[in-house]
């Protein structure tokens, strides 16, 4: 962001300088037109950069939200997996107890 802000600041300074140029200088008309063309090009580039920045900010927000949702989903699945593992462990323990009881009865 700071890079974009620096570029924007530089563009604005250049535009200000171009605007402050006085037409009283004895510059040929083609140079004045060249400066105007450059000024318009700088405005156009600035607008493009601002538009791209807004698009990137929207995309960043969308992706950030998506990551958050995925993290929640992973967390939920992890909790379910932990519960499943715990249930399996309990069933395994019950099975061992039942086998032990059966062995006692068979003796």
PDB file of N, CA and C in Angstrom:
ATOM      1  N   UNK A   1       0.816  -1.180   0.000  1.00  0.00           N
ATOM      2  CA  UNK A   1       0.000   0.000   0.000  1.00  0.00           C
ATOM      3  C   UNK A   1       0.868   1.255   0.000  1.00  0.00           C
ATOM      4  N   UNK A   2       1.910   1.274   0.765  1.00  0.00           N
ATOM      5  CA  UNK A   2       2.730   2.474   0.840  1.00  0.00           C
ATOM      6  C   UNK A   2       3.364   2.786  -0.515  1.00  0.00           C
ATOM      7  N   UNK A   3       3.670   1.764  -1.274  1.00  0.00           N
ATOM      8  CA  UNK A   3       4.240   1.975  -2.605  1.00  0.00           C
ATOM      9  C   UNK A   3       3.224   2.686  -3.495  1.00  0.00           C
ATOM     10  N   UNK A   4       1.983   2.254  -3.424  1.00  0.00           N
ATOM     11  CA  UNK A   4       0.935   2.883  -4.220  1.00  0.00           C
ATOM     12  C   UNK A   4       0.728   4.313  -3.744  1.00  0.00           C
ATOM     13  N   UNK A   5       0.758   4.504  -2.453  1.00  0.00           N
ATOM     14  CA  UNK A   5       0.571   5.852  -1.912  1.00  0.00           C
ATOM     15  C   UNK A   5       1.704   6.765  -2.346  1.00  0.00           C
ATOM     16  N   UNK A   6       2.929   6.248  -2.368  1.00  0.00           N
ATOM     17  CA  UNK A   6       4.068   7.046  -2.822  1.00  0.00           C
ATOM     18  C   UNK A   6       3.910   7.434  -4.281  1.00  0.00           C
ATOM     19  N   UNK A   7       3.493   6.449  -5.080  1.00  0.00           N
ATOM     20  CA  UNK A   7       3.302   6.736  -6.502  1.00  0.00           C
ATOM     21  C   UNK A   7       2.196   7.761  -6.701  1.00  0.00           C
ATOM     22  N   UNK A   8       1.138   7.611  -5.942  1.00  0.00           N
ATOM     23  CA  UNK A   8       0.046   8.562  -6.057  1.00  0.00           C
ATOM     24  C   UNK A   8       0.499   9.959  -5.634  1.00  0.00           C
ATOM     25  N   UNK A   9       1.266  10.030  -4.577  1.00  0.00           N
ATOM     26  CA  UNK A   9       1.776  11.315  -4.110  1.00  0.00           C
ATOM     27  C   UNK A   9       2.657  11.959  -5.181  1.00  0.00           C
ATOM     28  N   UNK A  10       3.543  11.152  -5.766  1.00  0.00           N
ATOM     29  CA  UNK A  10       4.412  11.661  -6.831  1.00  0.00           C
ATOM     30  C   UNK A  10       3.603  12.131  -8.035  1.00  0.00           C
ATOM     31  N   UNK A  11       2.587  11.355  -8.387  1.00  0.00           N
ATOM     32  CA  UNK A  11       1.737  11.744  -9.508  1.00  0.00           C
ATOM     33  C   UNK A  11       1.017  13.058  -9.210  1.00  0.00           C
ATOM     34  N   UNK A  12       0.509  13.165  -8.008  1.00  0.00           N
ATOM     35  CA  UNK A  12      -0.188  14.398  -7.638  1.00  0.00           C
ATOM     36  C   UNK A  12       0.757  15.600  -7.641  1.00  0.00           C
ATOM     37  N   UNK A  13       1.968  15.394  -7.176  1.00  0.00           N
ATOM     38  CA  UNK A  13       2.942  16.487  -7.185  1.00  0.00           C
ATOM     39  C   UNK A  13       3.272  16.897  -8.616  1.00  0.00           C
ATOM     40  N   UNK A  14       3.438  15.921  -9.466  1.00  0.00           N
ATOM     41  CA  UNK A  14       3.736  16.217 -10.861  1.00  0.00           C
ATOM     42  C   UNK A  14       2.567  16.932 -11.531  1.00  0.00           C
ATOM     43  N   UNK A  15       1.375  16.484 -11.225  1.00  0.00           N
ATOM     44  CA  UNK A  15       0.186  17.138 -11.778  1.00  0.00           C
ATOM     45  C   UNK A  15       0.088  18.575 -11.294  1.00  0.00           C
ATOM     46  N   UNK A  16       0.367  18.765 -10.009  1.00  0.00           N
ATOM     47  CA  UNK A  16       0.364  20.139  -9.475  1.00  0.00           C
ATOM     48  C   UNK A  16       1.392  21.013 -10.183  1.00  0.00           C
ATOM     49  N   UNK A  17       2.568  20.449 -10.397  1.00  0.00           N
ATOM     50  CA  UNK A  17       3.602  21.208 -11.102  1.00  0.00           C
ATOM     51  C   UNK A  17       3.158  21.547 -12.521  1.00  0.00           C
ATOM     52  N   UNK A  18       2.545  20.570 -13.170  1.00  0.00           N
ATOM     53  CA  UNK A  18       2.068  20.808 -14.528  1.00  0.00           C
ATOM     54  C   UNK A  18       0.967  21.871 -14.535  1.00  0.00           C
ATOM     55  N   UNK A  19       0.116  21.829 -13.547  1.00  0.00           N
ATOM     56  CA  UNK A  19      -0.958  22.823 -13.473  1.00  0.00           C
ATOM     57  C   UNK A  19      -0.420  24.217 -13.179  1.00  0.00           C
ATOM     58  N   UNK A  20       0.666  24.277 -12.441  1.00  0.00           N
ATOM     59  CA  UNK A  20       1.203  25.580 -12.066  1.00  0.00           C
ATOM     60  C   UNK A  20       2.052  26.225 -13.166  1.00  0.00           C
ATOM     61  N   UNK A  21       2.331  25.456 -14.187  1.00  0.00           N
ATOM     62  CA  UNK A  21       3.099  26.041 -15.290  1.00  0.00           C
ATOM     63  C   UNK A  21       2.309  27.205 -15.886  1.00  0.00           C
ATOM     64  N   UNK A  22       2.969  28.228 -16.088  1.00  0.00           N
ATOM     65  CA  UNK A  22       2.302  29.393 -16.649  1.00  0.00           C
ATOM     66  C   UNK A  22       2.392  29.342 -18.164  1.00  0.00           C
ATOM     67  N   UNK A  23       1.325  29.733 -18.770  1.00  0.00           N
ATOM     68  CA  UNK A  23       1.322  29.790 -20.224  1.00  0.00           C
ATOM     69  C   UNK A  23       2.057  31.017 -20.739  1.00  0.00           C
ATOM     70  N   UNK A  24       2.542  31.815 -19.816  1.00  0.00           N
ATOM     71  CA  UNK A  24       3.253  33.024 -20.234  1.00  0.00           C
ATOM     72  C   UNK A  24       4.661  32.731 -20.728  1.00  0.00           C
ATOM     73  N   UNK A  25       5.125  31.516 -20.431  1.00  0.00           N
ATOM     74  CA  UNK A  25       6.440  31.166 -20.956  1.00  0.00           C
ATOM     75  C   UNK A  25       6.373  31.159 -22.473  1.00  0.00           C
ATOM     76  N   UNK A  26       7.475  31.386 -23.042  1.00  0.00           N
ATOM     77  CA  UNK A  26       7.488  31.420 -24.501  1.00  0.00           C
ATOM     78  C   UNK A  26       7.732  30.011 -25.056  1.00  0.00           C
ATOM     79  N   UNK A  27       6.868  29.111 -24.658  1.00  0.00           N
ATOM     80  CA  UNK A  27       6.982  27.739 -25.130  1.00  0.00           C
ATOM     81  C   UNK A  27       6.157  27.590 -26.407  1.00  0.00           C
ATOM     82  N   UNK A  28       6.668  26.830 -27.301  1.00  0.00           N
ATOM     83  CA  UNK A  28       5.886  26.582 -28.508  1.00  0.00           C
ATOM     84  C   UNK A  28       4.615  25.794 -28.171  1.00  0.00           C
ATOM     85  N   UNK A  29       3.627  25.938 -28.982  1.00  0.00           N
ATOM     86  CA  UNK A  29       2.336  25.278 -28.747  1.00  0.00           C
ATOM     87  C   UNK A  29       2.452  23.766 -28.673  1.00  0.00           C
ATOM     88  N   UNK A  30       3.330  23.173 -29.455  1.00  0.00           N
ATOM     89  CA  UNK A  30       3.446  21.709 -29.428  1.00  0.00           C
ATOM     90  C   UNK A  30       3.969  21.225 -28.084  1.00  0.00           C
ATOM     91  N   UNK A  31       4.811  22.027 -27.411  1.00  0.00           N
ATOM     92  CA  UNK A  31       5.290  21.632 -26.086  1.00  0.00           C
ATOM     93  C   UNK A  31       4.167  21.725 -25.060  1.00  0.00           C
ATOM     94  N   UNK A  32       3.366  22.751 -25.177  1.00  0.00           N
ATOM     95  CA  UNK A  32       2.229  22.886 -24.270  1.00  0.00           C
ATOM     96  C   UNK A  32       1.284  21.704 -24.467  1.00  0.00           C
ATOM     97  N   UNK A  33       1.037  21.374 -25.701  1.00  0.00           N
ATOM     98  CA  UNK A  33       0.158  20.242 -25.995  1.00  0.00           C
ATOM     99  C   UNK A  33       0.766  18.931 -25.491  1.00  0.00           C
ATOM    100  N   UNK A  34       2.065  18.805 -25.616  1.00  0.00           N
ATOM    101  CA  UNK A  34       2.767  17.617 -25.123  1.00  0.00           C
ATOM    102  C   UNK A  34       2.597  17.504 -23.607  1.00  0.00           C
ATOM    103  N   UNK A  35       2.740  18.626 -22.930  1.00  0.00           N
ATOM    104  CA  UNK A  35       2.581  18.635 -21.465  1.00  0.00           C
ATOM    105  C   UNK A  35       1.149  18.266 -21.098  1.00  0.00           C
ATOM    106  N   UNK A  36       0.193  18.805 -21.817  1.00  0.00           N
ATOM    107  CA  UNK A  36      -1.210  18.466 -21.550  1.00  0.00           C
ATOM    108  C   UNK A  36      -1.466  16.976 -21.780  1.00  0.00           C
ATOM    109  N   UNK A  37      -0.898  16.472 -22.836  1.00  0.00           N
ATOM    110  CA  UNK A  37      -1.059  15.042 -23.134  1.00  0.00           C
ATOM    111  C   UNK A  37      -0.453  14.193 -22.013  1.00  0.00           C
ATOM    112  N   UNK A  38       0.730  14.574 -21.563  1.00  0.00           N
ATOM    113  CA  UNK A  38       1.367  13.846 -20.458  1.00  0.00           C
ATOM    114  C   UNK A  38       0.528  13.944 -19.190  1.00  0.00           C
ATOM    115  N   UNK A  39       0.006  15.130 -18.949  1.00  0.00           N
ATOM    116  CA  UNK A  39      -0.843  15.339 -17.774  1.00  0.00           C
ATOM    117  C   UNK A  39      -2.073  14.437 -17.849  1.00  0.00           C
ATOM    118  N   UNK A  40      -2.711  14.394 -19.007  1.00  0.00           N
ATOM    119  CA  UNK A  40      -3.887  13.540 -19.172  1.00  0.00           C
ATOM    120  C   UNK A  40      -3.533  12.069 -19.021  1.00  0.00           C
ATOM    121  N   UNK A  41      -2.388  11.697 -19.521  1.00  0.00           N
ATOM    122  CA  UNK A  41      -1.926  10.309 -19.402  1.00  0.00           C
ATOM    123  C   UNK A  41      -1.677   9.959 -17.934  1.00  0.00           C
ATOM    124  N   UNK A  42      -1.100  10.882 -17.206  1.00  0.00           N
ATOM    125  CA  UNK A  42      -0.862  10.654 -15.774  1.00  0.00           C
ATOM    126  C   UNK A  42      -2.186  10.512 -15.018  1.00  0.00           C
ATOM    127  N   UNK A  43      -3.160  11.348 -15.341  1.00  0.00           N
ATOM    128  CA  UNK A  43      -4.477  11.224 -14.730  1.00  0.00           C
ATOM    129  C   UNK A  43      -5.092   9.863 -15.040  1.00  0.00           C
ATOM    130  N   UNK A  44      -4.980   9.447 -16.284  1.00  0.00           N
ATOM    131  CA  UNK A  44      -5.532   8.161 -16.691  1.00  0.00           C
ATOM    132  C   UNK A  44      -4.862   7.013 -15.941  1.00  0.00           C
ATOM    133  N   UNK A  45      -3.538   7.063 -15.850  1.00  0.00           N
ATOM    134  CA  UNK A  45      -2.802   6.012 -15.135  1.00  0.00           C
ATOM    135  C   UNK A  45      -3.168   6.002 -13.658  1.00  0.00           C
ATOM    136  N   UNK A  46      -3.291   7.186 -13.100  1.00  0.00           N
ATOM    137  CA  UNK A  46      -3.669   7.281 -11.692  1.00  0.00           C
ATOM    138  C   UNK A  46      -5.036   6.645 -11.480  1.00  0.00           C
ATOM    139  N   UNK A  47      -5.978   6.935 -12.334  1.00  0.00           N
ATOM    140  CA  UNK A  47      -7.311   6.351 -12.211  1.00  0.00           C
ATOM    141  C   UNK A  47      -7.281   4.836 -12.376  1.00  0.00           C
ATOM    142  N   UNK A  48      -6.480   4.356 -13.300  1.00  0.00           N
ATOM    143  CA  UNK A  48      -6.343   2.909 -13.481  1.00  0.00           C
ATOM    144  C   UNK A  48      -5.769   2.256 -12.230  1.00  0.00           C
ATOM    145  N   UNK A  49      -4.750   2.877 -11.675  1.00  0.00           N
ATOM    146  CA  UNK A  49      -4.115   2.331 -10.466  1.00  0.00           C
ATOM    147  C   UNK A  49      -5.109   2.317  -9.312  1.00  0.00           C
ATOM    148  N   UNK A  50      -5.872   3.389  -9.163  1.00  0.00           N
ATOM    149  CA  UNK A  50      -6.861   3.440  -8.089  1.00  0.00           C
ATOM    150  C   UNK A  50      -7.930   2.368  -8.278  1.00  0.00           C
ATOM    151  N   UNK A  51      -8.340   2.173  -9.515  1.00  0.00           N
ATOM    152  CA  UNK A  51      -9.349   1.149  -9.800  1.00  0.00           C
ATOM    153  C   UNK A  51      -8.800  -0.245  -9.491  1.00  0.00           C
ATOM    154  N   UNK A  52      -7.578  -0.517  -9.923  1.00  0.00           N
ATOM    155  CA  UNK A  52      -6.956  -1.813  -9.640  1.00  0.00           C
ATOM    156  C   UNK A  52      -6.788  -2.017  -8.139  1.00  0.00           C
ATOM    157  N   UNK A  53      -6.425  -0.953  -7.454  1.00  0.00           N
ATOM    158  CA  UNK A  53      -6.263  -1.040  -6.006  1.00  0.00           C
ATOM    159  C   UNK A  53      -7.594  -1.395  -5.342  1.00  0.00           C
ATOM    160  N   UNK A  54      -8.665  -0.778  -5.771  1.00  0.00           N
ATOM    161  CA  UNK A  54      -9.980  -1.093  -5.215  1.00  0.00           C
ATOM    162  C   UNK A  54     -10.362  -2.543  -5.495  1.00  0.00           C
ATOM    163  N   UNK A  55     -10.084  -2.997  -6.703  1.00  0.00           N
ATOM    164  CA  UNK A  55     -10.374  -4.395  -7.042  1.00  0.00           C
ATOM    165  C   UNK A  55      -9.560  -5.347  -6.169  1.00  0.00           C
ATOM    166  N   UNK A  56      -8.293  -5.018  -5.978  1.00  0.00           N
ATOM    167  CA  UNK A  56      -7.440  -5.861  -5.138  1.00  0.00           C
ATOM    168  C   UNK A  56      -7.916  -5.857  -3.688  1.00  0.00           C
ATOM    169  N   UNK A  57      -8.372  -4.713  -3.234  1.00  0.00           N
ATOM    170  CA  UNK A  57      -8.867  -4.633  -1.860  1.00  0.00           C
ATOM    171  C   UNK A  57     -10.140  -5.479  -1.699  1.00  0.00           C
ATOM    172  N   UNK A  58     -11.017  -5.450  -2.687  1.00  0.00           N
ATOM    173  CA  UNK A  58     -12.227  -6.287  -2.636  1.00  0.00           C
ATOM    174  C   UNK A  58     -11.847  -7.767  -2.659  1.00  0.00           C
ATOM    175  N   UNK A  59     -10.917  -8.104  -3.531  1.00  0.00           N
ATOM    176  CA  UNK A  59     -10.485  -9.499  -3.618  1.00  0.00           C
ATOM    177  C   UNK A  59      -9.814  -9.934  -2.316  1.00  0.00           C
ATOM    178  N   UNK A  60      -9.017  -9.068  -1.756  1.00  0.00           N
ATOM    179  CA  UNK A  60      -8.352  -9.372  -0.480  1.00  0.00           C
ATOM    180  C   UNK A  60      -9.398  -9.629   0.611  1.00  0.00           C
ATOM    181  N   UNK A  61     -10.398  -8.787   0.673  1.00  0.00           N
ATOM    182  CA  UNK A  61     -11.456  -8.951   1.680  1.00  0.00           C
ATOM    183  C   UNK A  61     -12.185 -10.279   1.472  1.00  0.00           C
ATOM    184  N   UNK A  62     -12.506 -10.586   0.204  1.00  0.00           N
ATOM    185  CA  UNK A  62     -13.192 -11.840  -0.107  1.00  0.00           C
ATOM    186  C   UNK A  62     -12.341 -13.042   0.306  1.00  0.00           C
ATOM    187  N   UNK A  63     -11.063 -13.014  -0.062  1.00  0.00           N
ATOM    188  CA  UNK A  63     -10.180 -14.143   0.256  1.00  0.00           C
ATOM    189  C   UNK A  63      -9.960 -14.272   1.759  1.00  0.00           C
ATOM    190  N   UNK A  64      -9.871 -13.154   2.425  1.00  0.00           N
ATOM    191  CA  UNK A  64      -9.700 -13.181   3.878  1.00  0.00           C
ATOM    192  C   UNK A  64     -10.908 -13.840   4.540  1.00  0.00           C
ATOM    193  N   UNK A  65     -12.086 -13.488   4.074  1.00  0.00           N
ATOM    194  CA  UNK A  65     -13.318 -14.079   4.608  1.00  0.00           C
ATOM    195  C   UNK A  65     -13.379 -15.575   4.284  1.00  0.00           C
ATOM    196  N   UNK A  66     -12.966 -15.913   3.088  1.00  0.00           N
ATOM    197  CA  UNK A  66     -12.971 -17.323   2.693  1.00  0.00           C
ATOM    198  C   UNK A  66     -12.008 -18.138   3.559  1.00  0.00           C
ATOM    199  N   UNK A  67     -10.835 -17.590   3.820  1.00  0.00           N
ATOM    200  CA  UNK A  67      -9.866 -18.273   4.687  1.00  0.00           C
ATOM    201  C   UNK A  67     -10.446 -18.458   6.087  1.00  0.00           C
ATOM    202  N   UNK A  68     -11.098 -17.431   6.576  1.00  0.00           N
ATOM    203  CA  UNK A  68     -11.712 -17.511   7.903  1.00  0.00           C
ATOM    204  C   UNK A  68     -12.740 -18.636   7.946  1.00  0.00           C
ATOM    205  N   UNK A  69     -13.581 -18.711   6.912  1.00  0.00           N
ATOM    206  CA  UNK A  69     -14.592 -19.765   6.859  1.00  0.00           C
ATOM    207  C   UNK A  69     -13.957 -21.152   6.758  1.00  0.00           C
ATOM    208  N   UNK A  70     -12.907 -21.264   5.969  1.00  0.00           N
ATOM    209  CA  UNK A  70     -12.213 -22.549   5.854  1.00  0.00           C
ATOM    210  C   UNK A  70     -11.573 -22.955   7.185  1.00  0.00           C
ATOM    211  N   UNK A  71     -11.026 -22.001   7.891  1.00  0.00           N
ATOM    212  CA  UNK A  71     -10.432 -22.304   9.192  1.00  0.00           C
ATOM    213  C   UNK A  71     -11.495 -22.792  10.166  1.00  0.00           C
ATOM    214  N   UNK A  72     -12.672 -22.168  10.121  1.00  0.00           N
ATOM    215  CA  UNK A  72     -13.768 -22.625  10.984  1.00  0.00           C
ATOM    216  C   UNK A  72     -14.194 -24.045  10.618  1.00  0.00           C
ATOM    217  N   UNK A  73     -14.268 -24.296   9.336  1.00  0.00           N
ATOM    218  CA  UNK A  73     -14.650 -25.625   8.863  1.00  0.00           C
ATOM    219  C   UNK A  73     -13.629 -26.676   9.301  1.00  0.00           C
ATOM    220  N   UNK A  74     -12.354 -26.358   9.163  1.00  0.00           N
ATOM    221  CA  UNK A  74     -11.296 -27.283   9.586  1.00  0.00           C
ATOM    222  C   UNK A  74     -11.379 -27.524  11.088  1.00  0.00           C
ATOM    223  N   UNK A  75     -11.647 -26.467  11.822  1.00  0.00           N
ATOM    224  CA  UNK A  75     -11.761 -26.596  13.273  1.00  0.00           C
ATOM    225  C   UNK A  75     -12.926 -27.517  13.644  1.00  0.00           C
ATOM    226  N   UNK A  76     -14.060 -27.326  12.992  1.00  0.00           N
ATOM    227  CA  UNK A  76     -15.221 -28.188  13.259  1.00  0.00           C
ATOM    228  C   UNK A  76     -14.908 -29.639  12.929  1.00  0.00           C
ATOM    229  N   UNK A  77     -14.288 -29.861  11.784  1.00  0.00           N
ATOM    230  CA  UNK A  77     -13.957 -31.227  11.384  1.00  0.00           C
ATOM    231  C   UNK A  77     -12.956 -31.849  12.347  1.00  0.00           C
ATOM    232  N   UNK A  78     -12.044 -31.041  12.836  1.00  0.00           N
ATOM    233  CA  UNK A  78     -11.063 -31.541  13.797  1.00  0.00           C
ATOM    234  C   UNK A  78     -11.751 -31.963  15.095  1.00  0.00           C
ATOM    235  N   UNK A  79     -12.719 -31.164  15.525  1.00  0.00           N
ATOM    236  CA  UNK A  79     -13.468 -31.511  16.741  1.00  0.00           C
ATOM    237  C   UNK A  79     -14.251 -32.807  16.534  1.00  0.00           C
ATOM    238  N   UNK A  80     -14.855 -32.939  15.365  1.00  0.00           N
ATOM    239  CA  UNK A  80     -15.611 -34.163  15.059  1.00  0.00           C
ATOM    240  C   UNK A  80     -14.666 -35.364  15.037  1.00  0.00           C
ATOM    241  N   UNK A  81     -13.507 -35.176  14.441  1.00  0.00           N
ATOM    242  CA  UNK A  81     -12.528 -36.259  14.380  1.00  0.00           C
ATOM    243  C   UNK A  81     -12.056 -36.644  15.786  1.00  0.00           C
ATOM    244  N   UNK A  82     -11.815 -35.652  16.633  1.00  0.00           N
ATOM    245  CA  UNK A  82     -11.402 -35.931  18.013  1.00  0.00           C
ATOM    246  C   UNK A  82     -12.494 -36.705  18.753  1.00  0.00           C
ATOM    247  N   UNK A  83     -13.747 -36.296  18.557  1.00  0.00           N
ATOM    248  CA  UNK A  83     -14.871 -37.000  19.205  1.00  0.00           C
ATOM    249  C   UNK A  83     -14.959 -38.431  18.693  1.00  0.00           C
ATOM    250  N   UNK A  84     -14.764 -38.608  17.396  1.00  0.00           N
ATOM    251  CA  UNK A  84     -14.799 -39.952  16.805  1.00  0.00           C
ATOM    252  C   UNK A  84     -13.693 -40.826  17.396  1.00  0.00           C
ATOM    253  N   UNK A  85     -12.498 -40.268  17.497  1.00  0.00           N
ATOM    254  CA  UNK A  85     -11.378 -41.011  18.092  1.00  0.00           C
ATOM    255  C   UNK A  85     -11.675 -41.398  19.539  1.00  0.00           C
ATOM    256  N   UNK A  86     -12.286 -40.472  20.255  1.00  0.00           N
ATOM    257  CA  UNK A  86     -12.628 -40.744  21.651  1.00  0.00           C
ATOM    258  C   UNK A  86     -13.675 -41.867  21.726  1.00  0.00           C
ATOM    259  N   UNK A  87     -14.667 -41.817  20.863  1.00  0.00           N
ATOM    260  CA  UNK A  87     -15.697 -42.858  20.838  1.00  0.00           C
ATOM    261  C   UNK A  87     -15.087 -44.216  20.507  1.00  0.00           C
ATOM    262  N   UNK A  88     -14.177 -44.240  19.568  1.00  0.00           N
ATOM    263  CA  UNK A  88     -13.513 -45.494  19.199  1.00  0.00           C
ATOM    264  C   UNK A  88     -12.723 -46.035  20.392  1.00  0.00           C
ATOM    265  N   UNK A  89     -12.044 -45.146  21.078  1.00  0.00           N
ATOM    266  CA  UNK A  89     -11.258 -45.570  22.251  1.00  0.00           C
ATOM    267  C   UNK A  89     -12.178 -46.145  23.326  1.00  0.00           C
ATOM    268  N   UNK A  90     -13.312 -45.488  23.533  1.00  0.00           N
ATOM    269  CA  UNK A  90     -14.267 -45.991  24.529  1.00  0.00           C
ATOM    270  C   UNK A  90     -14.820 -47.355  24.111  1.00  0.00           C
ATOM    271  N   UNK A  91     -15.161 -47.506  22.854  1.00  0.00           N
ATOM    272  CA  UNK A  91     -15.657 -48.797  22.367  1.00  0.00           C
ATOM    273  C   UNK A  91     -14.591 -49.884  22.477  1.00  0.00           C
ATOM    274  N   UNK A  92     -13.370 -49.507  22.200  1.00  0.00           N
ATOM    275  CA  UNK A  92     -12.279 -50.465  22.324  1.00  0.00           C
ATOM    276  C   UNK A  92     -12.134 -50.919  23.776  1.00  0.00           C
ATOM    277  N   UNK A  93     -12.232 -49.968  24.679  1.00  0.00           N
ATOM    278  CA  UNK A  93     -12.127 -50.307  26.106  1.00  0.00           C
ATOM    279  C   UNK A  93     -13.290 -51.191  26.533  1.00  0.00           C
ATOM    280  N   UNK A  94     -14.491 -50.874  26.063  1.00  0.00           N
ATOM    281  CA  UNK A  94     -15.656 -51.708  26.393  1.00  0.00           C
ATOM    282  C   UNK A  94     -15.499 -53.122  25.835  1.00  0.00           C
ATOM    283  N   UNK A  95     -14.982 -53.209  24.642  1.00  0.00           N
ATOM    284  CA  UNK A  95     -14.764 -54.521  24.021  1.00  0.00           C
ATOM    285  C   UNK A  95     -13.766 -55.327  24.837  1.00  0.00           C
ATOM    286  N   UNK A  96     -12.709 -54.692  25.258  1.00  0.00           N
ATOM    287  CA  UNK A  96     -11.717 -55.388  26.087  1.00  0.00           C
ATOM    288  C   UNK A  96     -12.356 -55.860  27.390  1.00  0.00           C
ATOM    289  N   UNK A  97     -13.188 -55.021  27.981  1.00  0.00           N
ATOM    290  CA  UNK A  97     -13.869 -55.411  29.229  1.00  0.00           C
ATOM    291  C   UNK A  97     -14.807 -56.595  28.990  1.00  0.00           C
ATOM    292  N   UNK A  98     -15.521 -56.548  27.868  1.00  0.00           N
ATOM    293  CA  UNK A  98     -16.439 -57.652  27.557  1.00  0.00           C
ATOM    294  C   UNK A  98     -15.676 -58.956  27.316  1.00  0.00           C
ATOM    295  N   UNK A  99     -14.585 -58.874  26.593  1.00  0.00           N
ATOM    296  CA  UNK A  99     -13.762 -60.059  26.342  1.00  0.00           C
ATOM    297  C   UNK A  99     -13.225 -60.600  27.666  1.00  0.00           C
ATOM    298  N   UNK A 100     -12.842 -59.734  28.535  1.00  0.00           N
ATOM    299  CA  UNK A 100     -12.337 -60.148  29.842  1.00  0.00           C
ATOM    300  C   UNK A 100     -13.436 -60.845  30.648  1.00  0.00           C
ATOM    301  N   UNK A 101     -14.644 -60.280  30.603  1.00  0.00           N
ATOM    302  CA  UNK A 101     -15.769 -60.894  31.316  1.00  0.00           C
ATOM    303  C   UNK A 101     -16.096 -62.276  30.731  1.00  0.00           C
ATOM    304  N   UNK A 102     -16.058 -62.372  29.409  1.00  0.00           N
ATOM    305  CA  UNK A 102     -16.338 -63.655  28.749  1.00  0.00           C
ATOM    306  C   UNK A 102     -15.295 -64.685  29.155  1.00  0.00           C
ATOM    307  N   UNK A 103     -14.048 -64.238  29.193  1.00  0.00           N
ATOM    308  CA  UNK A 103     -12.971 -65.158  29.618  1.00  0.00           C
ATOM    309  C   UNK A 103     -13.187 -65.626  31.058  1.00  0.00           C
ATOM    310  N   UNK A 104     -13.653 -64.759  31.916  1.00  0.00           N
ATOM    311  CA  UNK A 104     -13.909 -65.157  33.312  1.00  0.00           C
ATOM    312  C   UNK A 104     -15.027 -66.195  33.393  1.00  0.00           C
ATOM    313  N   UNK A 105     -16.055 -66.006  32.587  1.00  0.00           N
ATOM    314  CA  UNK A 105     -17.173 -66.929  32.609  1.00  0.00           C
ATOM    315  C   UNK A 105     -16.818 -68.281  32.001  1.00  0.00           C
ATOM    316  N   UNK A 106     -15.909 -68.269  31.094  1.00  0.00           N
ATOM    317  CA  UNK A 106     -15.527 -69.529  30.440  1.00  0.00           C
ATOM    318  C   UNK A 106     -14.591 -70.339  31.333  1.00  0.00           C
ATOM    319  N   UNK A 107     -13.966 -69.764  32.270  1.00  0.00           N
ATOM    320  CA  UNK A 107     -13.043 -70.486  33.144  1.00  0.00           C
ATOM    321  C   UNK A 107     -13.749 -71.198  34.203  1.00  0.00           C
TER     322      UNK A 107
END
